[in-house]
Amino acid sequence: MVLLLNVLSQVCVLALVALGLAIVFGMMDIVNLAHGDFVTLGAFTLAALQHAGGAEAYWLALVVAPLVGAAAGWLLEATVIRLLYHRTLDTLLATYAVSLIVQKLLELGFGKHPQLVQTPIGGSLTLLGAEYPAYRIFVIATSLVVIALSALVFTGTRYGIRLRAVIQNPAMAEGLGINTRKMNRSAFALGAALAAFAGVLVAPLVSVESHLGLSYLSKAFFVIVVGGIGSVLGAVTGSALIGSVETLLNYRVDPSLASALVLIMAIALIRIRPQGLVPGFSAAHQLLGKG
């Protein structure tokens, strides 16, 4: 039971990070190497608020951090990304540079030492005869709610319909009167907000440093390519597969070897099913399916 809950907590956090990246990558074909830094910004927002207001500031951070992430994402799209559409190599270099700048700014502002973050919920709960930390259960429950709401927005709202139209055929969406530039910017901000929210959830469980988001960035790319580009269900499915396999392998082998084995598995799956486990809406997915 404990192992199952550990797997579920890892999968849920990874899904939150991957959801935003899946939408951005699927919609704009932007390989954003700074996406992991939104996770870091969320964690550092929590650290700053708790430093000022104590452990109870955690609940405020759940609201403030996504706003900080959304603002950072909006600013990045408005100042850098919008100038580099359809220029993949330039986008890689630019977002990598932004990532380095963000990390150095955090180190200048907070120092290189790990930040102190307090868990707002202590103790443990008994589930089917097994003791499990109450905070981890909170992380699982909260992540599932946010994932469900994201899926509802993507599939059951007017905004979601417009978003899927832009993902599937930007030129046609523009011709139908949809402001694709506005949709791109709002989607980028939404993806950043989800990553920052994930940063708050994971911060009490990890070492909060300027490089925190890097490990989640690589995993998130595995998730969206294996799961299906531009698909919410694909991001969740990919997270379930990648997160569960890596967590289970960590119990048996060295973590570095576990990551390598997960990468090999992802490559094999992409070779067998290039469009992903759950076909998405993106033009990129359609091209992969023909390859």
C-alpha atoms as a PDB file:
ATOM      1  CA  MET A   1       0.000   0.000   0.000  1.00  0.00           C
ATOM      2  CA  VAL A   2       2.824   2.411   0.860  1.00  0.00           C
ATOM      3  CA  LEU A   3       4.545   1.655  -2.436  1.00  0.00           C
ATOM      4  CA  LEU A   4       1.320   2.286  -4.352  1.00  0.00           C
ATOM      5  CA  LEU A   5       0.834   5.649  -2.639  1.00  0.00           C
ATOM      6  CA  ASN A   6       4.454   6.612  -3.321  1.00  0.00           C
ATOM      7  CA  VAL A   7       3.917   5.845  -6.990  1.00  0.00           C
ATOM      8  CA  LEU A   8       0.660   7.819  -7.037  1.00  0.00           C
ATOM      9  CA  SER A   9       2.204  10.904  -5.417  1.00  0.00           C
ATOM     10  CA  GLN A  10       5.063  10.891  -7.941  1.00  0.00           C
ATOM     11  CA  VAL A  11       2.682  10.432 -10.859  1.00  0.00           C
ATOM     12  CA  CYS A  12       0.343  13.233  -9.744  1.00  0.00           C
ATOM     13  CA  VAL A  13       3.066  15.876  -9.385  1.00  0.00           C
ATOM     14  CA  LEU A  14       4.648  14.856 -12.684  1.00  0.00           C
ATOM     15  CA  ALA A  15       1.268  15.083 -14.421  1.00  0.00           C
ATOM     16  CA  LEU A  16       0.789  18.665 -13.225  1.00  0.00           C
ATOM     17  CA  VAL A  17       4.172  19.679 -14.609  1.00  0.00           C
ATOM     18  CA  ALA A  18       3.616  17.795 -17.873  1.00  0.00           C
ATOM     19  CA  LEU A  19       0.110  19.169 -18.477  1.00  0.00           C
ATOM     20  CA  GLY A  20       1.309  22.707 -19.071  1.00  0.00           C
ATOM     21  CA  LEU A  21       4.219  21.574 -21.199  1.00  0.00           C
ATOM     22  CA  ALA A  22       1.939  19.309 -23.240  1.00  0.00           C
ATOM     23  CA  ILE A  23      -0.365  22.205 -24.096  1.00  0.00           C
ATOM     24  CA  VAL A  24       2.493  24.568 -24.944  1.00  0.00           C
ATOM     25  CA  PHE A  25       4.469  22.017 -26.960  1.00  0.00           C
ATOM     26  CA  GLY A  26       1.367  20.707 -28.679  1.00  0.00           C
ATOM     27  CA  MET A  27      -0.005  24.134 -29.529  1.00  0.00           C
ATOM     28  CA  MET A  28       3.051  26.148 -30.470  1.00  0.00           C
ATOM     29  CA  ASP A  29       5.677  23.475 -31.153  1.00  0.00           C
ATOM     30  CA  ILE A  30       7.837  25.362 -28.653  1.00  0.00           C
ATOM     31  CA  VAL A  31      10.449  23.296 -26.844  1.00  0.00           C
ATOM     32  CA  ASN A  32      10.589  25.372 -23.674  1.00  0.00           C
ATOM     33  CA  LEU A  33      13.714  24.458 -21.705  1.00  0.00           C
ATOM     34  CA  ALA A  34      12.724  26.988 -19.042  1.00  0.00           C
ATOM     35  CA  HIS A  35       9.506  25.156 -18.132  1.00  0.00           C
ATOM     36  CA  GLY A  36      11.133  23.414 -15.165  1.00  0.00           C
ATOM     37  CA  ASP A  37      12.065  26.790 -13.722  1.00  0.00           C
ATOM     38  CA  PHE A  38       8.377  27.558 -13.226  1.00  0.00           C
ATOM     39  CA  VAL A  39       8.358  24.626 -10.794  1.00  0.00           C
ATOM     40  CA  THR A  40      11.354  26.211  -9.069  1.00  0.00           C
ATOM     41  CA  LEU A  41       9.616  29.601  -8.924  1.00  0.00           C
ATOM     42  CA  GLY A  42       6.611  28.011  -7.232  1.00  0.00           C
ATOM     43  CA  ALA A  43       8.825  26.352  -4.619  1.00  0.00           C
ATOM     44  CA  PHE A  44      10.769  29.559  -3.957  1.00  0.00           C
ATOM     45  CA  THR A  45       7.537  31.542  -3.684  1.00  0.00           C
ATOM     46  CA  LEU A  46       6.480  29.178  -0.921  1.00  0.00           C
ATOM     47  CA  ALA A  47       9.878  29.524   0.791  1.00  0.00           C
ATOM     48  CA  ALA A  48       9.682  33.325   0.682  1.00  0.00           C
ATOM     49  CA  LEU A  49       6.116  33.464   2.010  1.00  0.00           C
ATOM     50  CA  GLN A  50       6.871  31.011   4.824  1.00  0.00           C
ATOM     51  CA  HIS A  51       9.974  32.996   5.751  1.00  0.00           C
ATOM     52  CA  ALA A  52       7.746  36.052   6.154  1.00  0.00           C
ATOM     53  CA  GLY A  53       4.627  34.445   7.613  1.00  0.00           C
ATOM     54  CA  GLY A  54       5.507  31.038   9.011  1.00  0.00           C
ATOM     55  CA  ALA A  55       4.229  27.581   8.099  1.00  0.00           C
ATOM     56  CA  GLU A  56       0.620  28.772   7.689  1.00  0.00           C
ATOM     57  CA  ALA A  57       1.712  30.853   4.692  1.00  0.00           C
ATOM     58  CA  TYR A  58       1.658  27.601   2.733  1.00  0.00           C
ATOM     59  CA  TRP A  59      -2.064  28.035   2.048  1.00  0.00           C
ATOM     60  CA  LEU A  60      -1.439  31.538   0.706  1.00  0.00           C
ATOM     61  CA  ALA A  61       1.346  30.161  -1.516  1.00  0.00           C
ATOM     62  CA  LEU A  62      -1.107  27.776  -3.185  1.00  0.00           C
ATOM     63  CA  VAL A  63      -2.804  30.901  -4.576  1.00  0.00           C
ATOM     64  CA  VAL A  64       0.145  33.262  -4.997  1.00  0.00           C
ATOM     65  CA  ALA A  65       2.603  30.844  -6.640  1.00  0.00           C
ATOM     66  CA  PRO A  66       0.377  30.045  -9.665  1.00  0.00           C
ATOM     67  CA  LEU A  67      -0.105  33.792 -10.147  1.00  0.00           C
ATOM     68  CA  VAL A  68       3.665  34.299 -10.049  1.00  0.00           C
ATOM     69  CA  GLY A  69       4.128  31.433 -12.499  1.00  0.00           C
ATOM     70  CA  ALA A  70       1.427  32.768 -14.826  1.00  0.00           C
ATOM     71  CA  ALA A  71       2.969  36.244 -14.789  1.00  0.00           C
ATOM     72  CA  ALA A  72       6.418  34.808 -15.533  1.00  0.00           C
ATOM     73  CA  GLY A  73       5.014  32.652 -18.344  1.00  0.00           C
ATOM     74  CA  TRP A  74       3.113  35.578 -19.850  1.00  0.00           C
ATOM     75  CA  LEU A  75       6.246  37.734 -19.709  1.00  0.00           C
ATOM     76  CA  LEU A  76       8.413  35.022 -21.293  1.00  0.00           C
ATOM     77  CA  GLU A  77       5.964  34.522 -24.164  1.00  0.00           C
ATOM     78  CA  ALA A  78       5.504  38.250 -24.716  1.00  0.00           C
ATOM     79  CA  THR A  79       9.207  39.132 -24.735  1.00  0.00           C
ATOM     80  CA  VAL A  80      10.983  36.043 -26.096  1.00  0.00           C
ATOM     81  CA  ILE A  81       8.776  33.235 -27.406  1.00  0.00           C
ATOM     82  CA  ARG A  82       6.552  35.334 -29.688  1.00  0.00           C
ATOM     83  CA  LEU A  83       9.633  36.383 -31.656  1.00  0.00           C
ATOM     84  CA  LEU A  84      10.805  32.821 -32.217  1.00  0.00           C
ATOM     85  CA  TYR A  85       7.823  30.841 -33.506  1.00  0.00           C
ATOM     86  CA  HIS A  86       8.847  28.220 -36.094  1.00  0.00           C
ATOM     87  CA  ARG A  87      12.520  28.719 -35.183  1.00  0.00           C
ATOM     88  CA  THR A  88      13.132  25.606 -33.101  1.00  0.00           C
ATOM     89  CA  LEU A  89      16.903  25.908 -32.622  1.00  0.00           C
ATOM     90  CA  ASP A  90      16.638  29.583 -31.670  1.00  0.00           C
ATOM     91  CA  THR A  91      13.887  28.754 -29.194  1.00  0.00           C
ATOM     92  CA  LEU A  92      15.995  26.016 -27.599  1.00  0.00           C
ATOM     93  CA  LEU A  93      18.924  28.384 -27.136  1.00  0.00           C
ATOM     94  CA  ALA A  94      16.774  31.275 -25.914  1.00  0.00           C
ATOM     95  CA  THR A  95      14.792  29.288 -23.349  1.00  0.00           C
ATOM     96  CA  TYR A  96      17.968  27.556 -22.146  1.00  0.00           C
ATOM     97  CA  ALA A  97      19.500  30.992 -21.602  1.00  0.00           C
ATOM     98  CA  VAL A  98      16.374  32.139 -19.751  1.00  0.00           C
ATOM     99  CA  SER A  99      16.604  29.050 -17.542  1.00  0.00           C
ATOM    100  CA  LEU A 100      20.209  29.841 -16.612  1.00  0.00           C
ATOM    101  CA  ILE A 101      19.326  33.467 -15.893  1.00  0.00           C
ATOM    102  CA  VAL A 102      16.422  32.488 -13.630  1.00  0.00           C
ATOM    103  CA  GLN A 103      18.623  30.056 -11.702  1.00  0.00           C
ATOM    104  CA  LYS A 104      21.359  32.644 -11.195  1.00  0.00           C
ATOM    105  CA  LEU A 105      18.860  35.303 -10.119  1.00  0.00           C
ATOM    106  CA  LEU A 106      17.417  32.922  -7.523  1.00  0.00           C
ATOM    107  CA  GLU A 107      20.913  32.161  -6.245  1.00  0.00           C
ATOM    108  CA  LEU A 108      21.695  35.877  -6.005  1.00  0.00           C
ATOM    109  CA  GLY A 109      18.446  36.594  -4.199  1.00  0.00           C
ATOM    110  CA  PHE A 110      18.226  33.572  -1.898  1.00  0.00           C
ATOM    111  CA  GLY A 111      21.744  32.132  -1.838  1.00  0.00           C
ATOM    112  CA  LYS A 112      22.974  28.746  -3.029  1.00  0.00           C
ATOM    113  CA  HIS A 113      21.966  26.859   0.108  1.00  0.00           C
ATOM    114  CA  PRO A 114      18.654  24.932   0.158  1.00  0.00           C
ATOM    115  CA  GLN A 115      15.661  26.947   1.322  1.00  0.00           C
ATOM    116  CA  LEU A 116      13.796  26.049   4.484  1.00  0.00           C
ATOM    117  CA  VAL A 117      10.251  24.913   3.721  1.00  0.00           C
ATOM    118  CA  GLN A 118       7.844  23.631   6.354  1.00  0.00           C
ATOM    119  CA  THR A 119       5.177  20.994   5.850  1.00  0.00           C
ATOM    120  CA  PRO A 120       1.746  22.461   6.711  1.00  0.00           C
ATOM    121  CA  ILE A 121       0.199  19.098   7.587  1.00  0.00           C
ATOM    122  CA  GLY A 122       1.976  16.816  10.018  1.00  0.00           C
ATOM    123  CA  GLY A 123       1.375  13.288  11.198  1.00  0.00           C
ATOM    124  CA  SER A 124       0.171  10.296   9.255  1.00  0.00           C
ATOM    125  CA  LEU A 125      -3.039   8.526   8.350  1.00  0.00           C
ATOM    126  CA  THR A 126      -3.849   4.833   8.338  1.00  0.00           C
ATOM    127  CA  LEU A 127      -4.986   3.476   4.983  1.00  0.00           C
ATOM    128  CA  LEU A 128      -5.757  -0.232   4.692  1.00  0.00           C
ATOM    129  CA  GLY A 129      -3.566  -0.955   7.669  1.00  0.00           C
ATOM    130  CA  ALA A 130      -0.573   1.104   6.467  1.00  0.00           C
ATOM    131  CA  GLU A 131       0.685   4.374   7.955  1.00  0.00           C
ATOM    132  CA  TYR A 132       1.283   7.086   5.375  1.00  0.00           C
ATOM    133  CA  PRO A 133       2.227  10.788   5.755  1.00  0.00           C
ATOM    134  CA  ALA A 134      -0.855  12.983   5.754  1.00  0.00           C
ATOM    135  CA  TYR A 135       0.834  15.631   3.622  1.00  0.00           C
ATOM    136  CA  ARG A 136       1.543  13.178   0.813  1.00  0.00           C
ATOM    137  CA  ILE A 137      -2.129  12.187   0.821  1.00  0.00           C
ATOM    138  CA  PHE A 138      -3.004  15.880   0.560  1.00  0.00           C
ATOM    139  CA  VAL A 139      -0.630  16.206  -2.431  1.00  0.00           C
ATOM    140  CA  ILE A 140      -2.294  13.269  -4.176  1.00  0.00           C
ATOM    141  CA  ALA A 141      -5.827  14.524  -3.555  1.00  0.00           C
ATOM    142  CA  THR A 142      -5.057  18.125  -4.547  1.00  0.00           C
ATOM    143  CA  SER A 143      -3.223  17.065  -7.707  1.00  0.00           C
ATOM    144  CA  LEU A 144      -6.099  14.849  -8.794  1.00  0.00           C
ATOM    145  CA  VAL A 145      -8.575  17.711  -8.329  1.00  0.00           C
ATOM    146  CA  VAL A 146      -6.418  20.149 -10.348  1.00  0.00           C
ATOM    147  CA  ILE A 147      -5.854  17.572 -13.101  1.00  0.00           C
ATOM    148  CA  ALA A 148      -9.596  16.905 -13.314  1.00  0.00           C
ATOM    149  CA  LEU A 149     -10.353  20.641 -13.493  1.00  0.00           C
ATOM    150  CA  SER A 150      -7.708  21.091 -16.208  1.00  0.00           C
ATOM    151  CA  ALA A 151      -9.249  18.270 -18.231  1.00  0.00           C
ATOM    152  CA  LEU A 152     -12.696  19.846 -17.791  1.00  0.00           C
ATOM    153  CA  VAL A 153     -11.438  23.221 -19.010  1.00  0.00           C
ATOM    154  CA  PHE A 154      -9.674  21.632 -21.973  1.00  0.00           C
ATOM    155  CA  THR A 155     -12.571  19.450 -23.113  1.00  0.00           C
ATOM    156  CA  GLY A 156     -15.753  21.059 -21.809  1.00  0.00           C
ATOM    157  CA  THR A 157     -15.446  24.846 -22.069  1.00  0.00           C
ATOM    158  CA  ARG A 158     -15.487  27.425 -24.850  1.00  0.00           C
ATOM    159  CA  TYR A 159     -11.900  28.314 -24.017  1.00  0.00           C
ATOM    160  CA  GLY A 160     -10.896  24.667 -24.338  1.00  0.00           C
ATOM    161  CA  ILE A 161     -12.598  24.348 -27.725  1.00  0.00           C
ATOM    162  CA  ARG A 162     -10.738  27.408 -29.002  1.00  0.00           C
ATOM    163  CA  LEU A 163      -7.519  26.047 -27.550  1.00  0.00           C
ATOM    164  CA  ARG A 164      -7.936  22.713 -29.314  1.00  0.00           C
ATOM    165  CA  ALA A 165      -8.749  24.520 -32.559  1.00  0.00           C
ATOM    166  CA  VAL A 166      -5.501  26.470 -32.342  1.00  0.00           C
ATOM    167  CA  ILE A 167      -3.569  23.286 -31.544  1.00  0.00           C
ATOM    168  CA  GLN A 168      -5.052  21.341 -34.450  1.00  0.00           C
ATOM    169  CA  ASN A 169      -5.007  23.998 -37.173  1.00  0.00           C
ATOM    170  CA  PRO A 170      -3.738  27.489 -36.258  1.00  0.00           C
ATOM    171  CA  ALA A 171      -4.360  28.948 -39.735  1.00  0.00           C
ATOM    172  CA  MET A 172      -7.967  27.730 -39.826  1.00  0.00           C
ATOM    173  CA  ALA A 173      -8.553  28.965 -36.270  1.00  0.00           C
ATOM    174  CA  GLU A 174      -7.235  32.393 -37.260  1.00  0.00           C
ATOM    175  CA  GLY A 175      -9.534  32.404 -40.275  1.00  0.00           C
ATOM    176  CA  LEU A 176     -12.515  31.676 -38.025  1.00  0.00           C
ATOM    177  CA  GLY A 177     -11.778  34.747 -35.949  1.00  0.00           C
ATOM    178  CA  ILE A 178      -9.841  33.222 -33.047  1.00  0.00           C
ATOM    179  CA  ASN A 179      -7.036  35.435 -31.797  1.00  0.00           C
ATOM    180  CA  THR A 180      -4.266  32.839 -31.922  1.00  0.00           C
ATOM    181  CA  ARG A 181      -1.663  35.161 -30.444  1.00  0.00           C
ATOM    182  CA  LYS A 182      -3.871  35.776 -27.413  1.00  0.00           C
ATOM    183  CA  MET A 183      -4.605  32.053 -27.080  1.00  0.00           C
ATOM    184  CA  ASN A 184      -0.913  31.219 -27.289  1.00  0.00           C
ATOM    185  CA  ARG A 185      -0.059  33.691 -24.564  1.00  0.00           C
ATOM    186  CA  SER A 186      -2.858  32.594 -22.252  1.00  0.00           C
ATOM    187  CA  ALA A 187      -1.974  28.916 -22.754  1.00  0.00           C
ATOM    188  CA  PHE A 188       1.667  29.620 -21.999  1.00  0.00           C
ATOM    189  CA  ALA A 189       0.669  31.426 -18.807  1.00  0.00           C
ATOM    190  CA  LEU A 190      -1.683  28.585 -17.828  1.00  0.00           C
ATOM    191  CA  GLY A 191       1.052  26.000 -18.327  1.00  0.00           C
ATOM    192  CA  ALA A 192       3.452  28.026 -16.201  1.00  0.00           C
ATOM    193  CA  ALA A 193       0.818  28.407 -13.470  1.00  0.00           C
ATOM    194  CA  LEU A 194       0.288  24.630 -13.306  1.00  0.00           C
ATOM    195  CA  ALA A 195       4.038  24.059 -13.021  1.00  0.00           C
ATOM    196  CA  ALA A 196       4.352  26.661 -10.251  1.00  0.00           C
ATOM    197  CA  PHE A 197       1.459  25.058  -8.382  1.00  0.00           C
ATOM    198  CA  ALA A 198       3.254  21.716  -8.640  1.00  0.00           C
ATOM    199  CA  GLY A 199       6.338  23.438  -7.232  1.00  0.00           C
ATOM    200  CA  VAL A 200       4.433  24.407  -4.083  1.00  0.00           C
ATOM    201  CA  LEU A 201       3.130  20.872  -3.611  1.00  0.00           C
ATOM    202  CA  VAL A 202       6.508  19.217  -4.037  1.00  0.00           C
ATOM    203  CA  ALA A 203       8.605  21.775  -2.123  1.00  0.00           C
ATOM    204  CA  PRO A 204       8.154  20.222   1.367  1.00  0.00           C
ATOM    205  CA  LEU A 205       9.214  16.842  -0.037  1.00  0.00           C
ATOM    206  CA  VAL A 206      12.451  17.812  -1.788  1.00  0.00           C
ATOM    207  CA  SER A 207      15.466  20.092  -1.429  1.00  0.00           C
ATOM    208  CA  VAL A 208      14.413  23.561  -2.610  1.00  0.00           C
ATOM    209  CA  GLU A 209      17.345  24.776  -4.707  1.00  0.00           C
ATOM    210  CA  SER A 210      17.707  26.812  -7.887  1.00  0.00           C
ATOM    211  CA  HIS A 211      18.092  23.600  -9.954  1.00  0.00           C
ATOM    212  CA  LEU A 212      14.956  21.950  -8.554  1.00  0.00           C
ATOM    213  CA  GLY A 213      12.989  22.074 -11.801  1.00  0.00           C
ATOM    214  CA  LEU A 214      15.601  20.422 -14.014  1.00  0.00           C
ATOM    215  CA  SER A 215      14.699  16.859 -13.052  1.00  0.00           C
ATOM    216  CA  TYR A 216      11.016  17.525 -13.694  1.00  0.00           C
ATOM    217  CA  LEU A 217      11.752  19.116 -17.077  1.00  0.00           C
ATOM    218  CA  SER A 218      13.351  16.022 -18.589  1.00  0.00           C
ATOM    219  CA  LYS A 219      10.657  13.732 -17.203  1.00  0.00           C
ATOM    220  CA  ALA A 220       7.910  16.019 -18.486  1.00  0.00           C
ATOM    221  CA  PHE A 221       9.275  15.825 -22.031  1.00  0.00           C
ATOM    222  CA  PHE A 222       9.341  12.033 -21.809  1.00  0.00           C
ATOM    223  CA  VAL A 223       5.761  12.106 -20.590  1.00  0.00           C
ATOM    224  CA  ILE A 224       4.272  14.248 -23.349  1.00  0.00           C
ATOM    225  CA  VAL A 225       6.091  12.491 -26.190  1.00  0.00           C
ATOM    226  CA  VAL A 226       5.246   9.020 -24.896  1.00  0.00           C
ATOM    227  CA  GLY A 227       1.713   9.972 -23.827  1.00  0.00           C
ATOM    228  CA  GLY A 228       0.709  12.011 -26.870  1.00  0.00           C
ATOM    229  CA  ILE A 229       1.502  15.585 -27.887  1.00  0.00           C
ATOM    230  CA  GLY A 230      -1.301  18.082 -27.296  1.00  0.00           C
ATOM    231  CA  SER A 231      -3.452  15.658 -25.288  1.00  0.00           C
ATOM    232  CA  VAL A 232      -4.456  16.110 -21.641  1.00  0.00           C
ATOM    233  CA  LEU A 233      -5.269  12.414 -21.337  1.00  0.00           C
ATOM    234  CA  GLY A 234      -1.958  11.643 -23.008  1.00  0.00           C
ATOM    235  CA  ALA A 235      -0.073  13.725 -20.446  1.00  0.00           C
ATOM    236  CA  VAL A 236      -1.815  11.907 -17.602  1.00  0.00           C
ATOM    237  CA  THR A 237      -1.248   8.490 -19.204  1.00  0.00           C
ATOM    238  CA  GLY A 238       2.393   9.244 -19.886  1.00  0.00           C
ATOM    239  CA  SER A 239       2.862  10.486 -16.324  1.00  0.00           C
ATOM    240  CA  ALA A 240       1.320   7.302 -14.962  1.00  0.00           C
ATOM    241  CA  LEU A 241       3.661   5.163 -17.041  1.00  0.00           C
ATOM    242  CA  ILE A 242       6.902   7.135 -16.609  1.00  0.00           C
ATOM    243  CA  GLY A 243       6.311   8.027 -12.950  1.00  0.00           C
ATOM    244  CA  SER A 244       5.306   4.554 -11.843  1.00  0.00           C
ATOM    245  CA  VAL A 245       8.108   2.752 -13.680  1.00  0.00           C
ATOM    246  CA  GLU A 246      10.786   5.116 -12.377  1.00  0.00           C
ATOM    247  CA  THR A 247       9.491   4.973  -8.800  1.00  0.00           C
ATOM    248  CA  LEU A 248       9.385   1.173  -8.856  1.00  0.00           C
ATOM    249  CA  LEU A 249      12.867   0.967 -10.385  1.00  0.00           C
ATOM    250  CA  ASN A 250      14.242   3.283  -7.694  1.00  0.00           C
ATOM    251  CA  TYR A 251      13.463   0.575  -5.142  1.00  0.00           C
ATOM    252  CA  ARG A 252      15.589  -1.936  -7.053  1.00  0.00           C
ATOM    253  CA  VAL A 253      18.462  -0.085  -8.731  1.00  0.00           C
ATOM    254  CA  ASP A 254      20.482   3.123  -8.453  1.00  0.00           C
ATOM    255  CA  PRO A 255      18.376   6.228  -9.287  1.00  0.00           C
ATOM    256  CA  SER A 256      20.704   7.175 -12.164  1.00  0.00           C
ATOM    257  CA  LEU A 257      20.311   3.724 -13.678  1.00  0.00           C
ATOM    258  CA  ALA A 258      16.558   3.923 -13.133  1.00  0.00           C
ATOM    259  CA  SER A 259      16.415   7.189 -15.107  1.00  0.00           C
ATOM    260  CA  ALA A 260      18.485   5.638 -17.906  1.00  0.00           C
ATOM    261  CA  LEU A 261      16.190   2.613 -18.083  1.00  0.00           C
ATOM    262  CA  VAL A 262      13.138   4.880 -18.232  1.00  0.00           C
ATOM    263  CA  LEU A 263      14.741   6.792 -21.116  1.00  0.00           C
ATOM    264  CA  ILE A 264      15.393   3.531 -22.993  1.00  0.00           C
ATOM    265  CA  MET A 265      11.781   2.485 -22.411  1.00  0.00           C
ATOM    266  CA  ALA A 266      10.534   5.849 -23.693  1.00  0.00           C
ATOM    267  CA  ILE A 267      12.647   5.577 -26.857  1.00  0.00           C
ATOM    268  CA  ALA A 268      11.324   2.071 -27.498  1.00  0.00           C
ATOM    269  CA  LEU A 269       7.721   3.192 -27.047  1.00  0.00           C
ATOM    270  CA  ILE A 270       8.188   6.158 -29.376  1.00  0.00           C
ATOM    271  CA  ARG A 271       9.666   3.853 -31.995  1.00  0.00           C
ATOM    272  CA  ILE A 272       6.690   1.491 -31.730  1.00  0.00           C
ATOM    273  CA  ARG A 273       4.005   4.179 -31.415  1.00  0.00           C
ATOM    274  CA  PRO A 274       5.375   7.540 -32.639  1.00  0.00           C
ATOM    275  CA  GLN A 275       2.028   9.345 -32.213  1.00  0.00           C
ATOM    276  CA  GLY A 276       1.993   8.530 -28.489  1.00  0.00           C
ATOM    277  CA  LEU A 277      -0.172   6.281 -26.358  1.00  0.00           C
ATOM    278  CA  VAL A 278      -3.149   8.664 -26.617  1.00  0.00           C
ATOM    279  CA  PRO A 279      -3.355  10.526 -29.954  1.00  0.00           C
ATOM    280  CA  GLY A 280      -3.456  14.273 -29.422  1.00  0.00           C
ATOM    281  CA  PHE A 281      -4.886  17.199 -31.320  1.00  0.00           C
ATOM    282  CA  SER A 282      -1.645  18.736 -32.527  1.00  0.00           C
ATOM    283  CA  ALA A 283      -0.323  18.951 -36.032  1.00  0.00           C
ATOM    284  CA  ALA A 284       2.954  17.643 -34.654  1.00  0.00           C
ATOM    285  CA  HIS A 285       1.147  14.487 -33.511  1.00  0.00           C
ATOM    286  CA  GLN A 286      -0.346  14.023 -36.939  1.00  0.00           C
ATOM    287  CA  LEU A 287       3.055  14.301 -38.627  1.00  0.00           C
ATOM    288  CA  LEU A 288       4.561  11.815 -36.166  1.00  0.00           C
ATOM    289  CA  GLY A 289       1.775   9.370 -36.914  1.00  0.00           C
ATOM    290  CA  LYS A 290       2.665   9.491 -40.636  1.00  0.00           C
ATOM    291  CA  GLY A 291       6.371   9.003 -40.037  1.00  0.00           C
END
